Amino acid sequence: MELTKGIFKTTKDIFENNKGSILRTIVYTIGHFAIAIIVLMSIADVSFMIALTDAIVEPLANAVWYFVLDKWWASRSK
């Protein structure tokens, strides 16, 4: 029980300290999903399922990169 409380508190603290970056990252990622599906289906002429798979995997990697970049950028702006 104590471990669970600690995990939830830590998660809440991380969210509270990074709320802006996390929300921007989520919005960016959702937009990237849609853009990737449209581009892949239009240019590469792949099926929706292949486009969807790529559109989910690749932006998730980009989302991690963006979060790290945003945290670094914000720390340099202070």
PDB file of N, CA and C in Angstrom:
ATOM      1  N   MET A   1       0.834  -1.200   0.000  1.00  0.00           N
ATOM      2  CA  MET A   1       0.000   0.000   0.000  1.00  0.00           C
ATOM      3  C   MET A   1       0.870   1.252   0.000  1.00  0.00           C
ATOM      4  N   GLU A   2       1.914   1.243   0.806  1.00  0.00           N
ATOM      5  CA  GLU A   2       2.797   2.404   0.886  1.00  0.00           C
ATOM      6  C   GLU A   2       3.518   2.639  -0.437  1.00  0.00           C
ATOM      7  N   LEU A   3       3.936   1.553  -1.088  1.00  0.00           N
ATOM      8  CA  LEU A   3       4.605   1.662  -2.383  1.00  0.00           C
ATOM      9  C   LEU A   3       3.675   2.286  -3.416  1.00  0.00           C
ATOM     10  N   THR A   4       2.422   1.848  -3.423  1.00  0.00           N
ATOM     11  CA  THR A   4       1.439   2.384  -4.367  1.00  0.00           C
ATOM     12  C   THR A   4       1.229   3.877  -4.143  1.00  0.00           C
ATOM     13  N   LYS A   5       1.119   4.295  -2.893  1.00  0.00           N
ATOM     14  CA  LYS A   5       0.953   5.721  -2.586  1.00  0.00           C
ATOM     15  C   LYS A   5       2.161   6.514  -3.063  1.00  0.00           C
ATOM     16  N   GLY A   6       3.344   5.941  -2.889  1.00  0.00           N
ATOM     17  CA  GLY A   6       4.567   6.613  -3.325  1.00  0.00           C
ATOM     18  C   GLY A   6       4.626   6.770  -4.825  1.00  0.00           C
ATOM     19  N   ILE A   7       4.196   5.740  -5.550  1.00  0.00           N
ATOM     20  CA  ILE A   7       4.193   5.800  -7.016  1.00  0.00           C
ATOM     21  C   ILE A   7       3.218   6.867  -7.499  1.00  0.00           C
ATOM     22  N   PHE A   8       2.004   6.887  -6.912  1.00  0.00           N
ATOM     23  CA  PHE A   8       1.012   7.874  -7.324  1.00  0.00           C
ATOM     24  C   PHE A   8       1.467   9.294  -6.982  1.00  0.00           C
ATOM     25  N   LYS A   9       2.086   9.473  -5.827  1.00  0.00           N
ATOM     26  CA  LYS A   9       2.572  10.799  -5.444  1.00  0.00           C
ATOM     27  C   LYS A   9       3.693  11.242  -6.381  1.00  0.00           C
ATOM     28  N   THR A  10       4.596  10.345  -6.698  1.00  0.00           N
ATOM     29  CA  THR A  10       5.692  10.676  -7.604  1.00  0.00           C
ATOM     30  C   THR A  10       5.159  11.038  -8.983  1.00  0.00           C
ATOM     31  N   THR A  11       4.195  10.245  -9.475  1.00  0.00           N
ATOM     32  CA  THR A  11       3.593  10.523 -10.774  1.00  0.00           C
ATOM     33  C   THR A  11       2.912  11.884 -10.768  1.00  0.00           C
ATOM     34  N   LYS A  12       2.176  12.175  -9.708  1.00  0.00           N
ATOM     35  CA  LYS A  12       1.500  13.469  -9.599  1.00  0.00           C
ATOM     36  C   LYS A  12       2.515  14.612  -9.554  1.00  0.00           C
ATOM     37  N   ASP A  13       3.595  14.435  -8.812  1.00  0.00           N
ATOM     38  CA  ASP A  13       4.632  15.466  -8.726  1.00  0.00           C
ATOM     39  C   ASP A  13       5.279  15.710 -10.091  1.00  0.00           C
ATOM     40  N   ILE A  14       5.560  14.625 -10.818  1.00  0.00           N
ATOM     41  CA  ILE A  14       6.153  14.759 -12.150  1.00  0.00           C
ATOM     42  C   ILE A  14       5.203  15.529 -13.057  1.00  0.00           C
ATOM     43  N   PHE A  15       3.920  15.167 -13.025  1.00  0.00           N
ATOM     44  CA  PHE A  15       2.936  15.866 -13.860  1.00  0.00           C
ATOM     45  C   PHE A  15       2.845  17.338 -13.480  1.00  0.00           C
ATOM     46  N   GLU A  16       2.741  17.626 -12.197  1.00  0.00           N
ATOM     47  CA  GLU A  16       2.605  19.020 -11.759  1.00  0.00           C
ATOM     48  C   GLU A  16       3.826  19.858 -12.146  1.00  0.00           C
ATOM     49  N   ASN A  17       5.012  19.270 -12.075  1.00  0.00           N
ATOM     50  CA  ASN A  17       6.235  20.011 -12.394  1.00  0.00           C
ATOM     51  C   ASN A  17       6.487  20.139 -13.891  1.00  0.00           C
ATOM     52  N   ASN A  18       5.767  19.349 -14.700  1.00  0.00           N
ATOM     53  CA  ASN A  18       5.994  19.338 -16.138  1.00  0.00           C
ATOM     54  C   ASN A  18       4.711  19.491 -16.937  1.00  0.00           C
ATOM     55  N   LYS A  19       3.681  20.036 -16.321  1.00  0.00           N
ATOM     56  CA  LYS A  19       2.353  20.104 -16.934  1.00  0.00           C
ATOM     57  C   LYS A  19       2.373  20.721 -18.335  1.00  0.00           C
ATOM     58  N   GLY A  20       3.016  21.849 -18.493  1.00  0.00           N
ATOM     59  CA  GLY A  20       3.049  22.521 -19.791  1.00  0.00           C
ATOM     60  C   GLY A  20       3.714  21.669 -20.857  1.00  0.00           C
ATOM     61  N   SER A  21       4.856  21.104 -20.534  1.00  0.00           N
ATOM     62  CA  SER A  21       5.571  20.263 -21.496  1.00  0.00           C
ATOM     63  C   SER A  21       4.771  19.017 -21.846  1.00  0.00           C
ATOM     64  N   ILE A  22       4.148  18.408 -20.865  1.00  0.00           N
ATOM     65  CA  ILE A  22       3.374  17.184 -21.109  1.00  0.00           C
ATOM     66  C   ILE A  22       2.173  17.493 -22.001  1.00  0.00           C
ATOM     67  N   LEU A  23       1.447  18.562 -21.717  1.00  0.00           N
ATOM     68  CA  LEU A  23       0.278  18.902 -22.535  1.00  0.00           C
ATOM     69  C   LEU A  23       0.670  19.259 -23.968  1.00  0.00           C
ATOM     70  N   ARG A  24       1.743  20.028 -24.148  1.00  0.00           N
ATOM     71  CA  ARG A  24       2.214  20.344 -25.501  1.00  0.00           C
ATOM     72  C   ARG A  24       2.650  19.083 -26.228  1.00  0.00           C
ATOM     73  N   THR A  25       3.280  18.181 -25.519  1.00  0.00           N
ATOM     74  CA  THR A  25       3.720  16.921 -26.114  1.00  0.00           C
ATOM     75  C   THR A  25       2.530  16.085 -26.574  1.00  0.00           C
ATOM     76  N   ILE A  26       1.468  16.033 -25.792  1.00  0.00           N
ATOM     77  CA  ILE A  26       0.265  15.265 -26.166  1.00  0.00           C
ATOM     78  C   ILE A  26      -0.387  15.866 -27.408  1.00  0.00           C
ATOM     79  N   VAL A  27      -0.551  17.181 -27.441  1.00  0.00           N
ATOM     80  CA  VAL A  27      -1.167  17.841 -28.598  1.00  0.00           C
ATOM     81  C   VAL A  27      -0.320  17.607 -29.852  1.00  0.00           C
ATOM     82  N   TYR A  28       0.988  17.763 -29.729  1.00  0.00           N
ATOM     83  CA  TYR A  28       1.899  17.530 -30.840  1.00  0.00           C
ATOM     84  C   TYR A  28       1.780  16.094 -31.346  1.00  0.00           C
ATOM     85  N   THR A  29       1.720  15.147 -30.446  1.00  0.00           N
ATOM     86  CA  THR A  29       1.674  13.729 -30.817  1.00  0.00           C
ATOM     87  C   THR A  29       0.381  13.383 -31.543  1.00  0.00           C
ATOM     88  N   ILE A  30      -0.738  13.876 -31.075  1.00  0.00           N
ATOM     89  CA  ILE A  30      -2.027  13.617 -31.737  1.00  0.00           C
ATOM     90  C   ILE A  30      -2.017  14.199 -33.159  1.00  0.00           C
ATOM     91  N   GLY A  31      -1.525  15.410 -33.298  1.00  0.00           N
ATOM     92  CA  GLY A  31      -1.422  16.013 -34.621  1.00  0.00           C
ATOM     93  C   GLY A  31      -0.492  15.216 -35.527  1.00  0.00           C
ATOM     94  N   HIS A  32       0.582  14.729 -34.961  1.00  0.00           N
ATOM     95  CA  HIS A  32       1.533  13.947 -35.742  1.00  0.00           C
ATOM     96  C   HIS A  32       0.897  12.642 -36.224  1.00  0.00           C
ATOM     97  N   PHE A  33       0.083  12.000 -35.400  1.00  0.00           N
ATOM     98  CA  PHE A  33      -0.626  10.779 -35.823  1.00  0.00           C
ATOM     99  C   PHE A  33      -1.432  11.062 -37.096  1.00  0.00           C
ATOM    100  N   ALA A  34      -2.234  12.103 -37.045  1.00  0.00           N
ATOM    101  CA  ALA A  34      -3.112  12.428 -38.178  1.00  0.00           C
ATOM    102  C   ALA A  34      -2.316  12.783 -39.429  1.00  0.00           C
ATOM    103  N   ILE A  35      -1.302  13.611 -39.267  1.00  0.00           N
ATOM    104  CA  ILE A  35      -0.484  14.017 -40.412  1.00  0.00           C
ATOM    105  C   ILE A  35       0.224  12.818 -41.036  1.00  0.00           C
ATOM    106  N   ALA A  36       0.783  11.955 -40.201  1.00  0.00           N
ATOM    107  CA  ALA A  36       1.514  10.793 -40.714  1.00  0.00           C
ATOM    108  C   ALA A  36       0.594   9.858 -41.495  1.00  0.00           C
ATOM    109  N   ILE A  37      -0.613   9.626 -41.004  1.00  0.00           N
ATOM    110  CA  ILE A  37      -1.557   8.752 -41.720  1.00  0.00           C
ATOM    111  C   ILE A  37      -1.894   9.345 -43.082  1.00  0.00           C
ATOM    112  N   ILE A  38      -2.211  10.621 -43.114  1.00  0.00           N
ATOM    113  CA  ILE A  38      -2.591  11.277 -44.371  1.00  0.00           C
ATOM    114  C   ILE A  38      -1.437  11.243 -45.370  1.00  0.00           C
ATOM    115  N   VAL A  39      -0.238  11.583 -44.916  1.00  0.00           N
ATOM    116  CA  VAL A  39       0.921  11.625 -45.814  1.00  0.00           C
ATOM    117  C   VAL A  39       1.257  10.225 -46.324  1.00  0.00           C
ATOM    118  N   LEU A  40       1.301   9.254 -45.450  1.00  0.00           N
ATOM    119  CA  LEU A  40       1.642   7.894 -45.881  1.00  0.00           C
ATOM    120  C   LEU A  40       0.630   7.331 -46.868  1.00  0.00           C
ATOM    121  N   MET A  41      -0.640   7.551 -46.608  1.00  0.00           N
ATOM    122  CA  MET A  41      -1.660   7.033 -47.520  1.00  0.00           C
ATOM    123  C   MET A  41      -1.620   7.772 -48.856  1.00  0.00           C
ATOM    124  N   SER A  42      -1.285   9.051 -48.849  1.00  0.00           N
ATOM    125  CA  SER A  42      -1.260   9.846 -50.072  1.00  0.00           C
ATOM    126  C   SER A  42       0.001   9.617 -50.901  1.00  0.00           C
ATOM    127  N   ILE A  43       1.137   9.655 -50.260  1.00  0.00           N
ATOM    128  CA  ILE A  43       2.409   9.608 -50.986  1.00  0.00           C
ATOM    129  C   ILE A  43       2.910   8.177 -51.189  1.00  0.00           C
ATOM    130  N   ALA A  44       2.874   7.367 -50.135  1.00  0.00           N
ATOM    131  CA  ALA A  44       3.435   6.020 -50.216  1.00  0.00           C
ATOM    132  C   ALA A  44       2.409   4.999 -50.703  1.00  0.00           C
ATOM    133  N   ASP A  45       1.156   5.417 -50.791  1.00  0.00           N
ATOM    134  CA  ASP A  45       0.088   4.536 -51.263  1.00  0.00           C
ATOM    135  C   ASP A  45       0.038   3.226 -50.483  1.00  0.00           C
ATOM    136  N   VAL A  46       0.061   3.353 -49.155  1.00  0.00           N
ATOM    137  CA  VAL A  46      -0.026   2.177 -48.291  1.00  0.00           C
ATOM    138  C   VAL A  46      -1.435   2.079 -47.722  1.00  0.00           C
ATOM    139  N   SER A  47      -1.759   0.916 -47.187  1.00  0.00           N
ATOM    140  CA  SER A  47      -3.081   0.719 -46.601  1.00  0.00           C
ATOM    141  C   SER A  47      -3.211   1.528 -45.309  1.00  0.00           C
ATOM    142  N   PHE A  48      -4.449   1.703 -44.900  1.00  0.00           N
ATOM    143  CA  PHE A  48      -4.719   2.442 -43.663  1.00  0.00           C
ATOM    144  C   PHE A  48      -4.033   1.783 -42.464  1.00  0.00           C
ATOM    145  N   MET A  49      -4.062   0.460 -42.371  1.00  0.00           N
ATOM    146  CA  MET A  49      -3.471  -0.237 -41.226  1.00  0.00           C
ATOM    147  C   MET A  49      -1.958  -0.048 -41.161  1.00  0.00           C
ATOM    148  N   ILE A  50      -1.293  -0.092 -42.291  1.00  0.00           N
ATOM    149  CA  ILE A  50       0.158   0.148 -42.301  1.00  0.00           C
ATOM    150  C   ILE A  50       0.444   1.597 -41.929  1.00  0.00           C
ATOM    151  N   ALA A  51      -0.321   2.515 -42.500  1.00  0.00           N
ATOM    152  CA  ALA A  51      -0.142   3.934 -42.176  1.00  0.00           C
ATOM    153  C   ALA A  51      -0.410   4.176 -40.695  1.00  0.00           C
ATOM    154  N   LEU A  52      -1.437   3.540 -40.159  1.00  0.00           N
ATOM    155  CA  LEU A  52      -1.769   3.697 -38.744  1.00  0.00           C
ATOM    156  C   LEU A  52      -0.654   3.180 -37.851  1.00  0.00           C
ATOM    157  N   THR A  53      -0.107   2.022 -38.190  1.00  0.00           N
ATOM    158  CA  THR A  53       0.986   1.454 -37.394  1.00  0.00           C
ATOM    159  C   THR A  53       2.185   2.394 -37.380  1.00  0.00           C
ATOM    160  N   ASP A  54       2.599   2.844 -38.550  1.00  0.00           N
ATOM    161  CA  ASP A  54       3.731   3.767 -38.620  1.00  0.00           C
ATOM    162  C   ASP A  54       3.402   5.085 -37.930  1.00  0.00           C
ATOM    163  N   ALA A  55       2.170   5.534 -38.092  1.00  0.00           N
ATOM    164  CA  ALA A  55       1.764   6.814 -37.505  1.00  0.00           C
ATOM    165  C   ALA A  55       1.728   6.773 -35.984  1.00  0.00           C
ATOM    166  N   ILE A  56       1.632   5.599 -35.407  1.00  0.00           N
ATOM    167  CA  ILE A  56       1.642   5.484 -33.944  1.00  0.00           C
ATOM    168  C   ILE A  56       3.059   5.288 -33.417  1.00  0.00           C
ATOM    169  N   VAL A  57       3.807   4.384 -34.031  1.00  0.00           N
ATOM    170  CA  VAL A  57       5.145   4.052 -33.525  1.00  0.00           C
ATOM    171  C   VAL A  57       6.114   5.221 -33.673  1.00  0.00           C
ATOM    172  N   GLU A  58       6.202   5.780 -34.854  1.00  0.00           N
ATOM    173  CA  GLU A  58       7.173   6.847 -35.108  1.00  0.00           C
ATOM    174  C   GLU A  58       6.902   8.113 -34.283  1.00  0.00           C
ATOM    175  N   PRO A  59       5.654   8.589 -34.176  1.00  0.00           N
ATOM    176  CA  PRO A  59       5.423   9.779 -33.345  1.00  0.00           C
ATOM    177  C   PRO A  59       5.654   9.547 -31.848  1.00  0.00           C
ATOM    178  N   LEU A  60       5.454   8.330 -31.374  1.00  0.00           N
ATOM    179  CA  LEU A  60       5.747   8.076 -29.960  1.00  0.00           C
ATOM    180  C   LEU A  60       7.232   8.285 -29.683  1.00  0.00           C
ATOM    181  N   ALA A  61       8.073   7.835 -30.598  1.00  0.00           N
ATOM    182  CA  ALA A  61       9.508   8.085 -30.455  1.00  0.00           C
ATOM    183  C   ALA A  61       9.782   9.586 -30.537  1.00  0.00           C
ATOM    184  N   ASN A  62       9.114  10.267 -31.463  1.00  0.00           N
ATOM    185  CA  ASN A  62       9.273  11.717 -31.571  1.00  0.00           C
ATOM    186  C   ASN A  62       8.759  12.444 -30.332  1.00  0.00           C
ATOM    187  N   ALA A  63       7.701  11.933 -29.722  1.00  0.00           N
ATOM    188  CA  ALA A  63       7.147  12.576 -28.525  1.00  0.00           C
ATOM    189  C   ALA A  63       8.157  12.555 -27.385  1.00  0.00           C
ATOM    190  N   VAL A  64       8.846  11.448 -27.236  1.00  0.00           N
ATOM    191  CA  VAL A  64       9.882  11.363 -26.198  1.00  0.00           C
ATOM    192  C   VAL A  64      10.986  12.374 -26.506  1.00  0.00           C
ATOM    193  N   TRP A  65      11.409  12.404 -27.771  1.00  0.00           N
ATOM    194  CA  TRP A  65      12.432  13.354 -28.182  1.00  0.00           C
ATOM    195  C   TRP A  65      11.976  14.790 -27.932  1.00  0.00           C
ATOM    196  N   TYR A  66      10.723  15.119 -28.297  1.00  0.00           N
ATOM    197  CA  TYR A  66      10.216  16.475 -28.108  1.00  0.00           C
ATOM    198  C   TYR A  66      10.188  16.856 -26.623  1.00  0.00           C
ATOM    199  N   PHE A  67       9.766  15.942 -25.777  1.00  0.00           N
ATOM    200  CA  PHE A  67       9.699  16.223 -24.343  1.00  0.00           C
ATOM    201  C   PHE A  67      11.093  16.556 -23.814  1.00  0.00           C
ATOM    202  N   VAL A  68      12.078  15.746 -24.187  1.00  0.00           N
ATOM    203  CA  VAL A  68      13.457  15.997 -23.742  1.00  0.00           C
ATOM    204  C   VAL A  68      13.941  17.340 -24.278  1.00  0.00           C
ATOM    205  N   LEU A  69      13.695  17.599 -25.560  1.00  0.00           N
ATOM    206  CA  LEU A  69      14.098  18.860 -26.166  1.00  0.00           C
ATOM    207  C   LEU A  69      13.422  20.053 -25.487  1.00  0.00           C
ATOM    208  N   ASP A  70      12.117  19.939 -25.224  1.00  0.00           N
ATOM    209  CA  ASP A  70      11.379  21.023 -24.593  1.00  0.00           C
ATOM    210  C   ASP A  70      11.890  21.298 -23.180  1.00  0.00           C
ATOM    211  N   LYS A  71      12.184  20.248 -22.432  1.00  0.00           N
ATOM    212  CA  LYS A  71      12.718  20.436 -21.075  1.00  0.00           C
ATOM    213  C   LYS A  71      14.089  21.103 -21.136  1.00  0.00           C
ATOM    214  N   TRP A  72      14.932  20.682 -22.074  1.00  0.00           N
ATOM    215  CA  TRP A  72      16.248  21.280 -22.220  1.00  0.00           C
ATOM    216  C   TRP A  72      16.108  22.745 -22.630  1.00  0.00           C
ATOM    217  N   TRP A  73      15.236  23.006 -23.617  1.00  0.00           N
ATOM    218  CA  TRP A  73      15.043  24.365 -24.123  1.00  0.00           C
ATOM    219  C   TRP A  73      14.544  25.288 -23.007  1.00  0.00           C
ATOM    220  N   ALA A  74      13.561  24.820 -22.252  1.00  0.00           N
ATOM    221  CA  ALA A  74      13.009  25.625 -21.160  1.00  0.00           C
ATOM    222  C   ALA A  74      14.068  25.908 -20.094  1.00  0.00           C
ATOM    223  N   SER A  75      14.942  24.956 -19.833  1.00  0.00           N
ATOM    224  CA  SER A  75      15.977  25.164 -18.822  1.00  0.00           C
ATOM    225  C   SER A  75      17.011  26.192 -19.289  1.00  0.00           C
ATOM    226  N   ARG A  76      17.207  26.315 -20.605  1.00  0.00           N
ATOM    227  CA  ARG A  76      18.169  27.276 -21.153  1.00  0.00           C
ATOM    228  C   ARG A  76      17.554  28.674 -21.243  1.00  0.00           C
ATOM    229  N   SER A  77      16.229  28.783 -21.198  1.00  0.00           N
ATOM    230  CA  SER A  77      15.551  30.064 -21.352  1.00  0.00           C
ATOM    231  C   SER A  77      15.424  30.848 -20.057  1.00  0.00           C
ATOM    232  N   LYS A  78      15.702  30.203 -18.960  1.00  0.00           N
ATOM    233  CA  LYS A  78      15.499  30.866 -17.659  1.00  0.00           C
ATOM    234  C   LYS A  78      16.571  31.841 -17.325  1.00  0.00           C
TER     235      LYS A  78
END
